[in-house]
């Protein structure tokens, strides 16, 4: 899986070689401390995921971030 965060949106795709399939498009809330481990509840944008074959049908998911570098 591959995730991209742009502004206040997270997009997650299944990745298989050069092929990507949409899994999730939802809300993103950044932590004030970029070095902190934190989580947020992302609300699914079903207008984007609703017709994607491999997308989640969940209304919300909890995501975690941990700076491991």
C-alpha atoms as a PDB file:
ATOM      1  CA  UNK A   1       0.000   0.000   0.000  1.00  0.00           C
ATOM      2  CA  UNK A   2       1.038   3.562  -0.624  1.00  0.00           C
ATOM      3  CA  UNK A   3      -0.279   6.684   1.086  1.00  0.00           C
ATOM      4  CA  UNK A   4      -0.079  10.290  -0.067  1.00  0.00           C
ATOM      5  CA  UNK A   5      -1.010  13.239   2.134  1.00  0.00           C
ATOM      6  CA  UNK A   6      -1.769  16.539   0.443  1.00  0.00           C
ATOM      7  CA  UNK A   7      -3.201  19.368   2.496  1.00  0.00           C
ATOM      8  CA  UNK A   8      -6.006  17.904   4.575  1.00  0.00           C
ATOM      9  CA  UNK A   9      -6.561  14.775   2.425  1.00  0.00           C
ATOM     10  CA  UNK A  10      -5.007  11.315   2.639  1.00  0.00           C
ATOM     11  CA  UNK A  11      -5.155   9.013  -0.387  1.00  0.00           C
ATOM     12  CA  UNK A  12      -4.246   5.346  -0.016  1.00  0.00           C
ATOM     13  CA  UNK A  13      -3.713   2.988  -2.955  1.00  0.00           C
ATOM     14  CA  UNK A  14      -3.068  -0.711  -3.344  1.00  0.00           C
ATOM     15  CA  UNK A  15       0.172  -1.068  -5.342  1.00  0.00           C
ATOM     16  CA  UNK A  16       1.077  -4.030  -7.544  1.00  0.00           C
ATOM     17  CA  UNK A  17       4.107  -3.261  -9.708  1.00  0.00           C
ATOM     18  CA  UNK A  18       3.150  -0.341 -11.941  1.00  0.00           C
ATOM     19  CA  UNK A  19      -0.562  -0.705 -11.152  1.00  0.00           C
ATOM     20  CA  UNK A  20      -2.347   1.278  -8.448  1.00  0.00           C
ATOM     21  CA  UNK A  21      -5.915   0.771  -7.242  1.00  0.00           C
ATOM     22  CA  UNK A  22      -7.721   3.246  -5.028  1.00  0.00           C
ATOM     23  CA  UNK A  23      -8.397   2.095  -1.458  1.00  0.00           C
ATOM     24  CA  UNK A  24      -9.109   5.258   0.535  1.00  0.00           C
ATOM     25  CA  UNK A  25      -9.581   9.008   0.137  1.00  0.00           C
ATOM     26  CA  UNK A  26     -10.348  10.765   3.370  1.00  0.00           C
ATOM     27  CA  UNK A  27      -9.699  13.573   5.781  1.00  0.00           C
ATOM     28  CA  UNK A  28      -6.304  14.179   7.358  1.00  0.00           C
ATOM     29  CA  UNK A  29      -5.481  16.113  10.532  1.00  0.00           C
ATOM     30  CA  UNK A  30      -1.816  16.894  11.112  1.00  0.00           C
ATOM     31  CA  UNK A  31      -0.233  16.979  14.536  1.00  0.00           C
ATOM     32  CA  UNK A  32       1.331  20.242  15.682  1.00  0.00           C
ATOM     33  CA  UNK A  33       4.481  18.235  16.512  1.00  0.00           C
ATOM     34  CA  UNK A  34       5.805  16.495  13.373  1.00  0.00           C
ATOM     35  CA  UNK A  35       8.139  14.329  15.489  1.00  0.00           C
ATOM     36  CA  UNK A  36       5.288  12.943  17.591  1.00  0.00           C
ATOM     37  CA  UNK A  37       3.451   9.677  17.152  1.00  0.00           C
ATOM     38  CA  UNK A  38      -0.221  10.462  16.703  1.00  0.00           C
ATOM     39  CA  UNK A  39      -3.489   9.189  15.240  1.00  0.00           C
ATOM     40  CA  UNK A  40      -6.522  10.716  13.596  1.00  0.00           C
ATOM     41  CA  UNK A  41      -9.947   9.547  12.480  1.00  0.00           C
ATOM     42  CA  UNK A  42     -10.278   9.927   8.718  1.00  0.00           C
ATOM     43  CA  UNK A  43     -13.731  10.341   7.167  1.00  0.00           C
ATOM     44  CA  UNK A  44     -14.134   8.512   3.847  1.00  0.00           C
ATOM     45  CA  UNK A  45     -14.848  10.648   0.745  1.00  0.00           C
ATOM     46  CA  UNK A  46     -17.287   8.204  -0.799  1.00  0.00           C
ATOM     47  CA  UNK A  47     -17.737  10.441  -3.845  1.00  0.00           C
ATOM     48  CA  UNK A  48     -14.231   9.257  -4.803  1.00  0.00           C
ATOM     49  CA  UNK A  49     -14.161   5.742  -3.351  1.00  0.00           C
ATOM     50  CA  UNK A  50     -17.777   4.749  -4.015  1.00  0.00           C
ATOM     51  CA  UNK A  51     -17.173   3.206  -7.442  1.00  0.00           C
ATOM     52  CA  UNK A  52     -13.606   1.964  -6.938  1.00  0.00           C
ATOM     53  CA  UNK A  53     -13.553  -1.842  -7.026  1.00  0.00           C
ATOM     54  CA  UNK A  54     -10.955  -2.319  -4.256  1.00  0.00           C
ATOM     55  CA  UNK A  55     -11.856   0.717  -2.126  1.00  0.00           C
ATOM     56  CA  UNK A  56     -13.000   0.489   1.467  1.00  0.00           C
ATOM     57  CA  UNK A  57     -16.687   1.035   2.101  1.00  0.00           C
ATOM     58  CA  UNK A  58     -16.090   2.085   5.708  1.00  0.00           C
ATOM     59  CA  UNK A  59     -17.339   5.508   6.777  1.00  0.00           C
ATOM     60  CA  UNK A  60     -14.193   6.194   8.818  1.00  0.00           C
ATOM     61  CA  UNK A  61     -10.801   4.717   9.651  1.00  0.00           C
ATOM     62  CA  UNK A  62      -8.233   5.507  12.299  1.00  0.00           C
ATOM     63  CA  UNK A  63      -4.734   6.131  10.937  1.00  0.00           C
ATOM     64  CA  UNK A  64      -1.490   6.352  12.910  1.00  0.00           C
ATOM     65  CA  UNK A  65       1.680   8.274  12.117  1.00  0.00           C
ATOM     66  CA  UNK A  66       5.079   7.558  13.593  1.00  0.00           C
ATOM     67  CA  UNK A  67       8.273   9.323  12.542  1.00  0.00           C
ATOM     68  CA  UNK A  68      10.703   6.416  12.189  1.00  0.00           C
ATOM     69  CA  UNK A  69      13.518   8.257  10.456  1.00  0.00           C
END
